[in-house]
Amino acid sequence: MTATTLPVINATLNATACALLVIGYIFIRRKQYVAHAYMMSSAFVVSMAFLTCYLIHHAKYGERTIGLPHGLLRDFYLFIILLPHVLLAIIMVPMIFRTLFLAYRRNWLAHPRIARPTFWIWLYVSITGVVIYWMLYHLFPSATG
């Protein structure tokens, strides 16, 4: 894995998690509980793979900055896209573990109460992860790499 391949892998893992989350959501709406459980478990595994690759990338190569000059567009990226993404990513981790724990314990009264907001936050973070990759590496790559 290199500085070039890890971001692509991360974006692919985020997009895969996103797809698995949506499919899992469709399954639960159709009351296909076993299929839902498989999709959500798969989304968890893929998200953990993402987190591992993300931490490896930042440990080896550091942070990447966006190649935008200071101004309105840069502020939009930093405060409307990146900041909520980072804050919600931190918040969602314990929410995901709590949701999975309640499912494991078969607590079907409490599970949906935490699963609903967890799903939307997790989906948002997965989608914005792909958007951030696209902005950093394709739309506005930094001049320094």
Protein backbone atom coordinates (compact mmCIF):
# COMPACT_ATOMS: atom_id res chain seq x y z
CA MET A 1 0.00 0.00 0.00
CA THR A 2 1.30 3.42 -0.98
CA ALA A 3 0.39 7.06 -0.48
CA THR A 4 -1.42 6.85 -3.82
CA THR A 5 -3.28 3.57 -3.36
CA LEU A 6 -4.46 3.98 0.25
CA PRO A 7 -6.78 6.93 -0.47
CA VAL A 8 -8.38 5.01 -3.36
CA ILE A 9 -8.82 1.98 -1.10
CA ASN A 10 -10.33 4.20 1.60
CA ALA A 11 -12.79 5.79 -0.81
CA THR A 12 -13.75 2.35 -2.16
CA LEU A 13 -14.31 1.02 1.36
CA ASN A 14 -16.46 4.06 2.20
CA ALA A 15 -18.52 3.62 -0.97
CA THR A 16 -18.90 -0.10 -0.24
CA ALA A 17 -20.04 0.61 3.32
CA CYS A 18 -22.53 3.10 1.93
CA ALA A 19 -23.98 0.52 -0.47
CA LEU A 20 -24.18 -2.12 2.27
CA LEU A 21 -25.93 0.32 4.61
CA VAL A 22 -28.55 1.18 1.99
CA ILE A 23 -29.13 -2.49 1.15
CA GLY A 24 -29.40 -3.28 4.87
CA TYR A 25 -31.93 -0.46 5.24
CA ILE A 26 -33.99 -1.87 2.38
CA PHE A 27 -33.92 -5.31 3.97
CA ILE A 28 -35.12 -4.05 7.36
CA ARG A 29 -37.93 -2.07 5.70
CA ARG A 30 -39.00 -5.33 4.03
CA LYS A 31 -38.74 -7.17 7.38
CA GLN A 32 -35.99 -9.41 6.03
CA TYR A 33 -34.18 -9.50 9.37
CA VAL A 34 -31.47 -12.07 8.63
CA ALA A 35 -30.46 -10.38 5.38
CA HIS A 36 -30.48 -7.04 7.23
CA ALA A 37 -28.17 -8.45 9.90
CA TYR A 38 -25.75 -9.75 7.26
CA MET A 39 -25.64 -6.40 5.46
CA MET A 40 -25.14 -4.37 8.62
CA SER A 41 -22.46 -6.78 9.88
CA SER A 42 -20.74 -6.50 6.51
CA ALA A 43 -20.96 -2.69 6.64
CA PHE A 44 -19.33 -2.83 10.07
CA VAL A 45 -16.48 -5.03 8.83
CA VAL A 46 -15.91 -2.81 5.80
CA SER A 47 -15.98 0.33 7.97
CA MET A 48 -13.45 -1.21 10.35
CA ALA A 49 -11.23 -2.05 7.35
CA PHE A 50 -11.59 1.60 6.28
CA LEU A 51 -10.64 2.85 9.75
CA THR A 52 -7.57 0.59 9.78
CA CYS A 53 -6.42 1.79 6.34
CA TYR A 54 -7.18 5.40 7.26
CA LEU A 55 -5.07 5.21 10.43
CA ILE A 56 -2.22 3.49 8.55
CA HIS A 57 -2.32 6.18 5.86
CA HIS A 58 -2.21 9.04 8.35
CA ALA A 59 0.50 7.39 10.44
CA LYS A 60 2.71 6.85 7.38
CA TYR A 61 1.95 9.90 5.26
CA GLY A 62 0.35 12.52 7.50
CA GLU A 63 -2.51 14.85 6.67
CA ARG A 64 -3.35 16.01 3.20
CA THR A 65 -4.53 19.56 2.61
CA ILE A 66 -6.90 20.76 -0.03
CA GLY A 67 -5.40 22.84 -2.82
CA LEU A 68 -7.80 25.72 -2.44
CA PRO A 69 -6.80 29.30 -1.68
CA HIS A 70 -8.37 30.89 1.38
CA GLY A 71 -11.86 32.08 0.65
CA LEU A 72 -15.52 31.09 0.54
CA LEU A 73 -15.08 27.74 -1.24
CA ARG A 74 -12.32 26.64 1.14
CA ASP A 75 -14.45 27.70 4.13
CA PHE A 76 -17.39 25.73 2.70
CA TYR A 77 -15.19 22.63 2.41
CA LEU A 78 -13.71 23.00 5.90
CA PHE A 79 -16.81 23.99 7.87
CA ILE A 80 -19.73 22.50 5.92
CA ILE A 81 -18.18 19.25 4.70
CA LEU A 82 -15.06 18.33 6.68
CA LEU A 83 -15.94 19.51 10.21
CA PRO A 84 -19.35 17.77 10.41
CA HIS A 85 -17.80 14.66 8.80
CA VAL A 86 -15.07 14.46 11.46
CA LEU A 87 -17.35 15.24 14.40
CA LEU A 88 -20.02 12.77 13.31
CA ALA A 89 -17.38 10.11 12.59
CA ILE A 90 -16.21 10.40 16.20
CA ILE A 91 -19.77 10.32 17.55
CA MET A 92 -20.87 7.40 15.40
CA VAL A 93 -18.29 4.89 16.61
CA PRO A 94 -19.82 4.35 20.07
CA MET A 95 -23.29 4.52 18.50
CA ILE A 96 -22.41 1.69 16.10
CA PHE A 97 -21.01 -0.45 18.91
CA ARG A 98 -24.10 0.20 21.05
CA THR A 99 -26.41 -0.66 18.14
CA LEU A 100 -24.55 -3.90 17.43
CA PHE A 101 -24.49 -4.79 21.12
CA LEU A 102 -28.25 -4.35 21.40
CA ALA A 103 -28.77 -6.51 18.32
CA TYR A 104 -26.43 -9.15 19.73
CA ARG A 105 -28.42 -9.13 22.98
CA ARG A 106 -31.66 -9.34 20.96
CA ASN A 107 -32.98 -6.20 22.64
CA TRP A 108 -35.49 -5.40 19.91
CA LEU A 109 -37.09 -2.56 21.91
CA ALA A 110 -33.92 -0.51 22.39
CA HIS A 111 -32.09 -1.50 19.19
CA PRO A 112 -34.25 0.46 16.70
CA ARG A 113 -34.15 3.60 18.85
CA ILE A 114 -30.38 3.86 18.52
CA ALA A 115 -30.16 2.14 15.12
CA ARG A 116 -32.19 4.82 13.33
CA PRO A 117 -29.97 7.81 14.12
CA THR A 118 -26.87 5.63 13.87
CA PHE A 119 -27.82 4.58 10.33
CA TRP A 120 -28.27 8.16 9.10
CA ILE A 121 -25.07 9.39 10.72
CA TRP A 122 -23.10 6.40 9.42
CA LEU A 123 -24.52 6.90 5.93
CA TYR A 124 -23.69 10.62 6.00
CA VAL A 125 -20.12 9.96 7.15
CA SER A 126 -19.63 7.29 4.47
CA ILE A 127 -20.95 9.54 1.70
CA THR A 128 -18.98 12.59 2.81
CA GLY A 129 -15.88 10.40 3.09
CA VAL A 130 -16.11 9.71 -0.62
CA VAL A 131 -16.82 13.40 -1.33
CA ILE A 132 -13.78 14.45 0.71
CA TYR A 133 -11.58 11.97 -1.17
CA TRP A 134 -12.87 13.32 -4.49
CA MET A 135 -12.27 16.92 -3.44
CA LEU A 136 -8.78 16.27 -2.01
CA TYR A 137 -7.43 14.07 -4.78
CA HIS A 138 -9.36 15.04 -7.90
CA LEU A 139 -11.23 18.33 -7.69
CA PHE A 140 -8.72 20.47 -5.73
CA PRO A 141 -5.50 18.49 -5.22
CA SER A 142 -2.86 20.33 -3.23
CA ALA A 143 0.29 21.42 -5.01
CA THR A 144 2.43 19.70 -2.36
CA GLY A 145 0.85 16.28 -2.75
